[in-house]
Amino acid sequence: LDYYAIGWFRQAPGKEREGVSCISRRGVISNYADSAKG
């Protein structure tokens, strides 16, 4: 796994899949959806 970035997504009933967060392969960079920030 440590060769790759990993993402988290979610899908609620009746809704489209939504990106939640992503982390770079070394963990230095992360990204969050506005709904997840904080």
PDB file of all heavy atoms in Angstrom:
ATOM      1  N   LEU A   1       0.803  -1.213   0.000  1.00  0.00           N
ATOM      2  CA  LEU A   1       0.000   0.000   0.000  1.00  0.00           C
ATOM      3  C   LEU A   1       0.834   1.261   0.000  1.00  0.00           C
ATOM      4  O   LEU A   1       0.420   2.286  -0.530  1.00  0.00           O
ATOM      5  CB  LEU A   1      -0.941  -0.050   1.211  1.00  0.00           C
ATOM      6  CG  LEU A   1      -2.022   0.991   1.353  1.00  0.00           C
ATOM      7  CD1 LEU A   1      -3.248   0.373   1.976  1.00  0.00           C
ATOM      8  CD2 LEU A   1      -1.528   2.145   2.192  1.00  0.00           C
ATOM      9  N   ASP A   2       2.031   1.193   0.569  1.00  0.00           N
ATOM     10  CA  ASP A   2       2.795   2.442   0.715  1.00  0.00           C
ATOM     11  C   ASP A   2       3.359   2.960  -0.601  1.00  0.00           C
ATOM     12  O   ASP A   2       3.977   4.020  -0.632  1.00  0.00           O
ATOM     13  CB  ASP A   2       3.888   2.310   1.771  1.00  0.00           C
ATOM     14  CG  ASP A   2       4.865   1.199   1.481  1.00  0.00           C
ATOM     15  OD1 ASP A   2       4.617   0.404   0.561  1.00  0.00           O
ATOM     16  OD2 ASP A   2       5.891   1.127   2.184  1.00  0.00           O
ATOM     17  N   TYR A   3       3.116   2.249  -1.701  1.00  0.00           N
ATOM     18  CA  TYR A   3       3.505   2.786  -3.000  1.00  0.00           C
ATOM     19  C   TYR A   3       2.454   3.733  -3.569  1.00  0.00           C
ATOM     20  O   TYR A   3       2.694   4.402  -4.583  1.00  0.00           O
ATOM     21  CB  TYR A   3       3.693   1.650  -4.011  1.00  0.00           C
ATOM     22  CG  TYR A   3       4.912   0.793  -3.788  1.00  0.00           C
ATOM     23  CD1 TYR A   3       4.989  -0.499  -4.298  1.00  0.00           C
ATOM     24  CD2 TYR A   3       6.011   1.252  -3.062  1.00  0.00           C
ATOM     25  CE1 TYR A   3       6.098  -1.297  -4.105  1.00  0.00           C
ATOM     26  CE2 TYR A   3       7.128   0.464  -2.862  1.00  0.00           C
ATOM     27  CZ  TYR A   3       7.163  -0.814  -3.394  1.00  0.00           C
ATOM     28  OH  TYR A   3       8.256  -1.605  -3.198  1.00  0.00           O
ATOM     29  N   TYR A   4       1.282   3.773  -2.926  1.00  0.00           N
ATOM     30  CA  TYR A   4       0.143   4.428  -3.573  1.00  0.00           C
ATOM     31  C   TYR A   4      -0.581   5.404  -2.659  1.00  0.00           C
ATOM     32  O   TYR A   4      -0.669   5.201  -1.453  1.00  0.00           O
ATOM     33  CB  TYR A   4      -0.861   3.372  -4.033  1.00  0.00           C
ATOM     34  CG  TYR A   4      -0.264   2.340  -4.947  1.00  0.00           C
ATOM     35  CD1 TYR A   4       0.038   1.073  -4.473  1.00  0.00           C
ATOM     36  CD2 TYR A   4       0.012   2.634  -6.273  1.00  0.00           C
ATOM     37  CE1 TYR A   4       0.602   0.126  -5.293  1.00  0.00           C
ATOM     38  CE2 TYR A   4       0.572   1.688  -7.104  1.00  0.00           C
ATOM     39  CZ  TYR A   4       0.863   0.437  -6.609  1.00  0.00           C
ATOM     40  OH  TYR A   4       1.426  -0.503  -7.435  1.00  0.00           O
ATOM     41  N   ALA A   5      -1.139   6.420  -3.273  1.00  0.00           N
ATOM     42  CA  ALA A   5      -2.126   7.239  -2.576  1.00  0.00           C
ATOM     43  C   ALA A   5      -3.385   6.411  -2.342  1.00  0.00           C
ATOM     44  O   ALA A   5      -3.654   5.448  -3.067  1.00  0.00           O
ATOM     45  CB  ALA A   5      -2.479   8.467  -3.414  1.00  0.00           C
ATOM     46  N   ILE A   6      -4.134   6.760  -1.311  1.00  0.00           N
ATOM     47  CA  ILE A   6      -5.377   6.075  -0.973  1.00  0.00           C
ATOM     48  C   ILE A   6      -6.471   7.108  -0.770  1.00  0.00           C
ATOM     49  O   ILE A   6      -6.228   8.179  -0.190  1.00  0.00           O
ATOM     50  CB  ILE A   6      -5.240   5.236   0.308  1.00  0.00           C
ATOM     51  CG1 ILE A   6      -4.178   4.154   0.121  1.00  0.00           C
ATOM     52  CG2 ILE A   6      -6.587   4.610   0.700  1.00  0.00           C
ATOM     53  CD1 ILE A   6      -4.546   3.075  -0.891  1.00  0.00           C
ATOM     54  N   GLY A   7      -7.648   6.800  -1.254  1.00  0.00           N
ATOM     55  CA  GLY A   7      -8.775   7.709  -1.111  1.00  0.00           C
ATOM     56  C   GLY A   7      -9.928   7.077  -0.351  1.00  0.00           C
ATOM     57  O   GLY A   7     -10.053   5.849  -0.305  1.00  0.00           O
ATOM     58  N   TRP A   8     -10.734   7.913   0.259  1.00  0.00           N
ATOM     59  CA  TRP A   8     -11.986   7.492   0.884  1.00  0.00           C
ATOM     60  C   TRP A   8     -13.138   8.192   0.179  1.00  0.00           C
ATOM     61  O   TRP A   8     -13.079   9.395  -0.069  1.00  0.00           O
ATOM     62  CB  TRP A   8     -12.026   7.854   2.361  1.00  0.00           C
ATOM     63  CG  TRP A   8     -11.261   6.936   3.261  1.00  0.00           C
ATOM     64  CD1 TRP A   8     -10.019   7.137   3.773  1.00  0.00           C
ATOM     65  CD2 TRP A   8     -11.698   5.669   3.769  1.00  0.00           C
ATOM     66  NE1 TRP A   8      -9.654   6.070   4.553  1.00  0.00           N
ATOM     67  CE2 TRP A   8     -10.671   5.164   4.576  1.00  0.00           C
ATOM     68  CE3 TRP A   8     -12.867   4.904   3.623  1.00  0.00           C
ATOM     69  CZ2 TRP A   8     -10.761   3.937   5.230  1.00  0.00           C
ATOM     70  CZ3 TRP A   8     -12.959   3.694   4.275  1.00  0.00           C
ATOM     71  CH2 TRP A   8     -11.918   3.217   5.065  1.00  0.00           C
ATOM     72  N   PHE A   9     -14.164   7.413  -0.098  1.00  0.00           N
ATOM     73  CA  PHE A   9     -15.364   7.923  -0.731  1.00  0.00           C
ATOM     74  C   PHE A   9     -16.579   7.437   0.053  1.00  0.00           C
ATOM     75  O   PHE A   9     -16.466   6.528   0.868  1.00  0.00           O
ATOM     76  CB  PHE A   9     -15.454   7.432  -2.185  1.00  0.00           C
ATOM     77  CG  PHE A   9     -14.445   8.050  -3.089  1.00  0.00           C
ATOM     78  CD1 PHE A   9     -13.117   7.638  -3.073  1.00  0.00           C
ATOM     79  CD2 PHE A   9     -14.796   9.053  -3.973  1.00  0.00           C
ATOM     80  CE1 PHE A   9     -12.172   8.220  -3.886  1.00  0.00           C
ATOM     81  CE2 PHE A   9     -13.862   9.645  -4.802  1.00  0.00           C
ATOM     82  CZ  PHE A   9     -12.554   9.219  -4.753  1.00  0.00           C
ATOM     83  N   ARG A  10     -17.708   8.030  -0.232  1.00  0.00           N
ATOM     84  CA  ARG A  10     -18.939   7.546   0.392  1.00  0.00           C
ATOM     85  C   ARG A  10     -20.101   7.700  -0.568  1.00  0.00           C
ATOM     86  O   ARG A  10     -20.066   8.536  -1.478  1.00  0.00           O
ATOM     87  CB  ARG A  10     -19.221   8.303   1.696  1.00  0.00           C
ATOM     88  CG  ARG A  10     -19.567   9.772   1.526  1.00  0.00           C
ATOM     89  CD  ARG A  10     -19.678  10.432   2.895  1.00  0.00           C
ATOM     90  NE  ARG A  10     -20.069  11.842   2.797  1.00  0.00           N
ATOM     91  CZ  ARG A  10     -20.121  12.669   3.842  1.00  0.00           C
ATOM     92  NH1 ARG A  10     -19.790  12.226   5.061  1.00  0.00           N
ATOM     93  NH2 ARG A  10     -20.493  13.909   3.665  1.00  0.00           N
ATOM     94  N   GLN A  11     -21.112   6.879  -0.342  1.00  0.00           N
ATOM     95  CA  GLN A  11     -22.314   6.960  -1.149  1.00  0.00           C
ATOM     96  C   GLN A  11     -23.530   6.730  -0.268  1.00  0.00           C
ATOM     97  O   GLN A  11     -23.670   5.655   0.332  1.00  0.00           O
ATOM     98  CB  GLN A  11     -22.290   5.958  -2.295  1.00  0.00           C
ATOM     99  CG  GLN A  11     -23.439   6.148  -3.266  1.00  0.00           C
ATOM    100  CD  GLN A  11     -23.237   5.416  -4.582  1.00  0.00           C
ATOM    101  OE1 GLN A  11     -22.438   4.487  -4.673  1.00  0.00           O
ATOM    102  NE2 GLN A  11     -23.937   5.853  -5.616  1.00  0.00           N
ATOM    103  N   ALA A  12     -24.365   7.748  -0.196  1.00  0.00           N
ATOM    104  CA  ALA A  12     -25.601   7.658   0.557  1.00  0.00           C
ATOM    105  C   ALA A  12     -26.712   7.166  -0.368  1.00  0.00           C
ATOM    106  O   ALA A  12     -26.629   7.324  -1.589  1.00  0.00           O
ATOM    107  CB  ALA A  12     -25.955   9.022   1.141  1.00  0.00           C
ATOM    108  N   PRO A  13     -27.754   6.567   0.185  1.00  0.00           N
ATOM    109  CA  PRO A  13     -28.855   6.083  -0.649  1.00  0.00           C
ATOM    110  C   PRO A  13     -29.433   7.190  -1.520  1.00  0.00           C
ATOM    111  O   PRO A  13     -29.716   8.291  -1.037  1.00  0.00           O
ATOM    112  CB  PRO A  13     -29.881   5.603   0.376  1.00  0.00           C
ATOM    113  CG  PRO A  13     -29.081   5.264   1.581  1.00  0.00           C
ATOM    114  CD  PRO A  13     -27.952   6.249   1.608  1.00  0.00           C
ATOM    115  N   GLY A  14     -29.554   6.914  -2.801  1.00  0.00           N
ATOM    116  CA  GLY A  14     -30.137   7.873  -3.719  1.00  0.00           C
ATOM    117  C   GLY A  14     -29.225   9.010  -4.124  1.00  0.00           C
ATOM    118  O   GLY A  14     -29.659   9.938  -4.821  1.00  0.00           O
ATOM    119  N   LYS A  15     -27.984   8.945  -3.678  1.00  0.00           N
ATOM    120  CA  LYS A  15     -27.046  10.023  -4.008  1.00  0.00           C
ATOM    121  C   LYS A  15     -25.851   9.468  -4.768  1.00  0.00           C
ATOM    122  O   LYS A  15     -25.556   8.278  -4.722  1.00  0.00           O
ATOM    123  CB  LYS A  15     -26.584  10.725  -2.734  1.00  0.00           C
ATOM    124  CG  LYS A  15     -27.692  11.482  -2.018  1.00  0.00           C
ATOM    125  CD  LYS A  15     -27.139  12.320  -0.883  1.00  0.00           C
ATOM    126  CE  LYS A  15     -28.225  13.140  -0.228  1.00  0.00           C
ATOM    127  NZ  LYS A  15     -27.668  14.000   0.874  1.00  0.00           N
ATOM    128  N   GLU A  16     -25.143  10.371  -5.429  1.00  0.00           N
ATOM    129  CA  GLU A  16     -23.936   9.978  -6.141  1.00  0.00           C
ATOM    130  C   GLU A  16     -22.781   9.768  -5.163  1.00  0.00           C
ATOM    131  O   GLU A  16     -22.768  10.312  -4.059  1.00  0.00           O
ATOM    132  CB  GLU A  16     -23.565  11.047  -7.164  1.00  0.00           C
ATOM    133  CG  GLU A  16     -24.570  11.166  -8.302  1.00  0.00           C
ATOM    134  CD  GLU A  16     -24.081  12.096  -9.391  1.00  0.00           C
ATOM    135  OE1 GLU A  16     -23.022  12.720  -9.231  1.00  0.00           O
ATOM    136  OE2 GLU A  16     -24.770  12.187 -10.419  1.00  0.00           O
ATOM    137  N   ARG A  17     -21.830   8.970  -5.597  1.00  0.00           N
ATOM    138  CA  ARG A  17     -20.621   8.772  -4.808  1.00  0.00           C
ATOM    139  C   ARG A  17     -19.892  10.106  -4.627  1.00  0.00           C
ATOM    140  O   ARG A  17     -19.789  10.895  -5.564  1.00  0.00           O
ATOM    141  CB  ARG A  17     -19.715   7.770  -5.511  1.00  0.00           C
ATOM    142  CG  ARG A  17     -18.450   7.417  -4.780  1.00  0.00           C
ATOM    143  CD  ARG A  17     -17.713   6.346  -5.537  1.00  0.00           C
ATOM    144  NE  ARG A  17     -17.444   6.747  -6.913  1.00  0.00           N
ATOM    145  CZ  ARG A  17     -17.060   5.918  -7.876  1.00  0.00           C
ATOM    146  NH1 ARG A  17     -16.929   4.625  -7.616  1.00  0.00           N
ATOM    147  NH2 ARG A  17     -16.826   6.356  -9.101  1.00  0.00           N
ATOM    148  N   GLU A  18     -19.390  10.312  -3.433  1.00  0.00           N
ATOM    149  CA  GLU A  18     -18.751  11.579  -3.074  1.00  0.00           C
ATOM    150  C   GLU A  18     -17.354  11.310  -2.545  1.00  0.00           C
ATOM    151  O   GLU A  18     -17.158  10.445  -1.686  1.00  0.00           O
ATOM    152  CB  GLU A  18     -19.595  12.265  -1.999  1.00  0.00           C
ATOM    153  CG  GLU A  18     -18.986  13.494  -1.385  1.00  0.00           C
ATOM    154  CD  GLU A  18     -19.753  14.002  -0.177  1.00  0.00           C
ATOM    155  OE1 GLU A  18     -20.511  13.219   0.422  1.00  0.00           O
ATOM    156  OE2 GLU A  18     -19.575  15.163   0.184  1.00  0.00           O
ATOM    157  N   GLY A  19     -16.387  12.057  -3.018  1.00  0.00           N
ATOM    158  CA  GLY A  19     -15.041  11.968  -2.469  1.00  0.00           C
ATOM    159  C   GLY A  19     -14.995  12.583  -1.089  1.00  0.00           C
ATOM    160  O   GLY A  19     -15.557  13.660  -0.875  1.00  0.00           O
ATOM    161  N   VAL A  20     -14.345  11.905  -0.159  1.00  0.00           N
ATOM    162  CA  VAL A  20     -14.259  12.374   1.223  1.00  0.00           C
ATOM    163  C   VAL A  20     -12.851  12.863   1.556  1.00  0.00           C
ATOM    164  O   VAL A  20     -12.666  13.957   2.084  1.00  0.00           O
ATOM    165  CB  VAL A  20     -14.672  11.261   2.207  1.00  0.00           C
ATOM    166  CG1 VAL A  20     -14.475  11.706   3.651  1.00  0.00           C
ATOM    167  CG2 VAL A  20     -16.110  10.830   1.953  1.00  0.00           C
ATOM    168  N   SER A  21     -11.859  12.033   1.240  1.00  0.00           N
ATOM    169  CA  SER A  21     -10.494  12.388   1.600  1.00  0.00           C
ATOM    170  C   SER A  21      -9.516  11.562   0.785  1.00  0.00           C
ATOM    171  O   SER A  21      -9.855  10.519   0.226  1.00  0.00           O
ATOM    172  CB  SER A  21     -10.266  12.143   3.099  1.00  0.00           C
ATOM    173  OG  SER A  21      -8.991  12.601   3.493  1.00  0.00           O
ATOM    174  N   CYS A  22      -8.286  12.051   0.738  1.00  0.00           N
ATOM    175  CA  CYS A  22      -7.210  11.378   0.023  1.00  0.00           C
ATOM    176  C   CYS A  22      -5.920  11.610   0.784  1.00  0.00           C
ATOM    177  O   CYS A  22      -5.735  12.684   1.379  1.00  0.00           O
ATOM    178  CB  CYS A  22      -7.123  11.937  -1.393  1.00  0.00           C
ATOM    179  SG  CYS A  22      -5.753  11.332  -2.376  1.00  0.00           S
ATOM    180  N   ILE A  23      -5.035  10.617   0.779  1.00  0.00           N
ATOM    181  CA  ILE A  23      -3.738  10.778   1.408  1.00  0.00           C
ATOM    182  C   ILE A  23      -2.674  10.303   0.441  1.00  0.00           C
ATOM    183  O   ILE A  23      -2.826   9.256  -0.209  1.00  0.00           O
ATOM    184  CB  ILE A  23      -3.672  10.039   2.758  1.00  0.00           C
ATOM    185  CG1 ILE A  23      -2.402  10.372   3.512  1.00  0.00           C
ATOM    186  CG2 ILE A  23      -3.823   8.525   2.585  1.00  0.00           C
ATOM    187  CD1 ILE A  23      -2.414   9.946   4.975  1.00  0.00           C
ATOM    188  N   SER A  24      -1.592  11.054   0.340  1.00  0.00           N
ATOM    189  CA  SER A  24      -0.504  10.692  -0.549  1.00  0.00           C
ATOM    190  C   SER A  24       0.227   9.469  -0.014  1.00  0.00           C
ATOM    191  O   SER A  24       0.053   9.082   1.148  1.00  0.00           O
ATOM    192  CB  SER A  24       0.464  11.860  -0.702  1.00  0.00           C
ATOM    193  OG  SER A  24       1.046  12.180   0.557  1.00  0.00           O
ATOM    194  N   ARG A  25       1.067   8.875  -0.843  1.00  0.00           N
ATOM    195  CA  ARG A  25       1.645   7.590  -0.450  1.00  0.00           C
ATOM    196  C   ARG A  25       2.556   7.691   0.754  1.00  0.00           C
ATOM    197  O   ARG A  25       2.687   6.742   1.518  1.00  0.00           O
ATOM    198  CB  ARG A  25       2.353   6.950  -1.628  1.00  0.00           C
ATOM    199  CG  ARG A  25       3.569   7.674  -2.158  1.00  0.00           C
ATOM    200  CD  ARG A  25       4.052   6.982  -3.415  1.00  0.00           C
ATOM    201  NE  ARG A  25       5.286   7.545  -3.924  1.00  0.00           N
ATOM    202  CZ  ARG A  25       6.466   6.974  -3.733  1.00  0.00           C
ATOM    203  NH1 ARG A  25       6.580   5.869  -3.048  1.00  0.00           N
ATOM    204  NH2 ARG A  25       7.543   7.523  -4.240  1.00  0.00           N
ATOM    205  N   ARG A  26       3.162   8.815   0.976  1.00  0.00           N
ATOM    206  CA  ARG A  26       3.988   8.970   2.169  1.00  0.00           C
ATOM    207  C   ARG A  26       3.240   9.654   3.307  1.00  0.00           C
ATOM    208  O   ARG A  26       3.792   9.855   4.380  1.00  0.00           O
ATOM    209  CB  ARG A  26       5.255   9.746   1.834  1.00  0.00           C
ATOM    210  CG  ARG A  26       6.204   8.994   0.927  1.00  0.00           C
ATOM    211  CD  ARG A  26       7.561   9.704   0.850  1.00  0.00           C
ATOM    212  NE  ARG A  26       8.509   8.969   0.026  1.00  0.00           N
ATOM    213  CZ  ARG A  26       8.666   9.155  -1.263  1.00  0.00           C
ATOM    214  NH1 ARG A  26       7.943  10.069  -1.892  1.00  0.00           N
ATOM    215  NH2 ARG A  26       9.552   8.449  -1.941  1.00  0.00           N
ATOM    216  N   GLY A  27       2.001  10.033   3.043  1.00  0.00           N
ATOM    217  CA  GLY A  27       1.208  10.663   4.084  1.00  0.00           C
ATOM    218  C   GLY A  27       1.485  12.140   4.272  1.00  0.00           C
ATOM    219  O   GLY A  27       0.978  12.750   5.211  1.00  0.00           O
ATOM    220  N   VAL A  28       2.269  12.726   3.383  1.00  0.00           N
ATOM    221  CA  VAL A  28       2.637  14.132   3.540  1.00  0.00           C
ATOM    222  C   VAL A  28       1.497  15.040   3.102  1.00  0.00           C
ATOM    223  O   VAL A  28       1.266  16.104   3.670  1.00  0.00           O
ATOM    224  CB  VAL A  28       3.909  14.438   2.723  1.00  0.00           C
ATOM    225  CG1 VAL A  28       4.213  15.920   2.737  1.00  0.00           C
ATOM    226  CG2 VAL A  28       5.082  13.630   3.261  1.00  0.00           C
ATOM    227  N   ILE A  29       0.776  14.605   2.072  1.00  0.00           N
ATOM    228  CA  ILE A  29      -0.293  15.421   1.510  1.00  0.00           C
ATOM    229  C   ILE A  29      -1.634  14.743   1.774  1.00  0.00           C
ATOM    230  O   ILE A  29      -1.784  13.541   1.568  1.00  0.00           O
ATOM    231  CB  ILE A  29      -0.101  15.605  -0.001  1.00  0.00           C
ATOM    232  CG1 ILE A  29       1.190  16.380  -0.278  1.00  0.00           C
ATOM    233  CG2 ILE A  29      -1.302  16.341  -0.614  1.00  0.00           C
ATOM    234  CD1 ILE A  29       1.582  16.404  -1.731  1.00  0.00           C
ATOM    235  N   SER A  30      -2.590  15.516   2.249  1.00  0.00           N
ATOM    236  CA  SER A  30      -3.954  15.023   2.403  1.00  0.00           C
ATOM    237  C   SER A  30      -4.917  16.061   1.846  1.00  0.00           C
ATOM    238  O   SER A  30      -4.604  17.248   1.777  1.00  0.00           O
ATOM    239  CB  SER A  30      -4.273  14.705   3.855  1.00  0.00           C
ATOM    240  OG  SER A  30      -4.097  15.842   4.665  1.00  0.00           O
ATOM    241  N   ASN A  31      -6.065  15.588   1.461  1.00  0.00           N
ATOM    242  CA  ASN A  31      -7.073  16.450   0.857  1.00  0.00           C
ATOM    243  C   ASN A  31      -8.427  16.031   1.411  1.00  0.00           C
ATOM    244  O   ASN A  31      -8.671  14.834   1.626  1.00  0.00           O
ATOM    245  CB  ASN A  31      -7.034  16.295  -0.668  1.00  0.00           C
ATOM    246  CG  ASN A  31      -7.910  17.306  -1.387  1.00  0.00           C
ATOM    247  OD1 ASN A  31      -8.295  18.320  -0.820  1.00  0.00           O
ATOM    248  ND2 ASN A  31      -8.222  17.022  -2.634  1.00  0.00           N
ATOM    249  N   TYR A  32      -9.287  16.991   1.663  1.00  0.00           N
ATOM    250  CA  TYR A  32     -10.591  16.697   2.254  1.00  0.00           C
ATOM    251  C   TYR A  32     -11.700  17.429   1.502  1.00  0.00           C
ATOM    252  O   TYR A  32     -11.519  18.573   1.064  1.00  0.00           O
ATOM    253  CB  TYR A  32     -10.636  17.148   3.716  1.00  0.00           C
ATOM    254  CG  TYR A  32      -9.690  16.413   4.625  1.00  0.00           C
ATOM    255  CD1 TYR A  32      -8.401  16.896   4.853  1.00  0.00           C
ATOM    256  CD2 TYR A  32     -10.076  15.232   5.254  1.00  0.00           C
ATOM    257  CE1 TYR A  32      -7.529  16.221   5.684  1.00  0.00           C
ATOM    258  CE2 TYR A  32      -9.209  14.553   6.090  1.00  0.00           C
ATOM    259  CZ  TYR A  32      -7.942  15.056   6.295  1.00  0.00           C
ATOM    260  OH  TYR A  32      -7.070  14.380   7.121  1.00  0.00           O
ATOM    261  N   ALA A  33     -12.830  16.775   1.418  1.00  0.00           N
ATOM    262  CA  ALA A  33     -14.031  17.461   0.948  1.00  0.00           C
ATOM    263  C   ALA A  33     -14.436  18.492   1.994  1.00  0.00           C
ATOM    264  O   ALA A  33     -14.128  18.347   3.185  1.00  0.00           O
ATOM    265  CB  ALA A  33     -15.157  16.458   0.743  1.00  0.00           C
ATOM    266  N   ASP A  34     -15.119  19.526   1.557  1.00  0.00           N
ATOM    267  CA  ASP A  34     -15.553  20.564   2.504  1.00  0.00           C
ATOM    268  C   ASP A  34     -16.388  19.966   3.625  1.00  0.00           C
ATOM    269  O   ASP A  34     -16.311  20.417   4.777  1.00  0.00           O
ATOM    270  CB  ASP A  34     -16.358  21.632   1.764  1.00  0.00           C
ATOM    271  CG  ASP A  34     -15.485  22.508   0.884  1.00  0.00           C
ATOM    272  OD1 ASP A  34     -14.256  22.504   1.078  1.00  0.00           O
ATOM    273  OD2 ASP A  34     -16.039  23.186  -0.003  1.00  0.00           O
ATOM    274  N   SER A  35     -17.161  18.941   3.309  1.00  0.00           N
ATOM    275  CA  SER A  35     -18.032  18.321   4.312  1.00  0.00           C
ATOM    276  C   SER A  35     -17.246  17.589   5.388  1.00  0.00           C
ATOM    277  O   SER A  35     -17.774  17.293   6.461  1.00  0.00           O
ATOM    278  CB  SER A  35     -19.003  17.353   3.635  1.00  0.00           C
ATOM    279  OG  SER A  35     -18.286  16.354   2.925  1.00  0.00           O
ATOM    280  N   ALA A  36     -15.980  17.277   5.102  1.00  0.00           N
ATOM    281  CA  ALA A  36     -15.152  16.516   6.029  1.00  0.00           C
ATOM    282  C   ALA A  36     -14.126  17.375   6.779  1.00  0.00           C
ATOM    283  O   ALA A  36     -13.616  16.944   7.817  1.00  0.00           O
ATOM    284  CB  ALA A  36     -14.418  15.417   5.280  1.00  0.00           C
ATOM    285  N   LYS A  37     -13.851  18.532   6.262  1.00  0.00           N
ATOM    286  CA  LYS A  37     -12.814  19.371   6.863  1.00  0.00           C
ATOM    287  C   LYS A  37     -13.145  19.724   8.312  1.00  0.00           C
ATOM    288  O   LYS A  37     -14.265  20.105   8.633  1.00  0.00           O
ATOM    289  CB  LYS A  37     -12.645  20.650   6.040  1.00  0.00           C
ATOM    290  CG  LYS A  37     -11.938  20.432   4.716  1.00  0.00           C
ATOM    291  CD  LYS A  37     -11.859  21.727   3.913  1.00  0.00           C
ATOM    292  CE  LYS A  37     -11.186  21.477   2.571  1.00  0.00           C
ATOM    293  NZ  LYS A  37     -11.185  22.692   1.727  1.00  0.00           N
ATOM    294  N   GLY A  38     -12.139  19.572   9.159  1.00  0.00           N
ATOM    295  CA  GLY A  38     -12.311  19.905  10.564  1.00  0.00           C
ATOM    296  C   GLY A  38     -12.929  18.809  11.406  1.00  0.00           C
ATOM    297  O   GLY A  38     -12.927  18.896  12.639  1.00  0.00           O
TER     298      GLY A  38
END
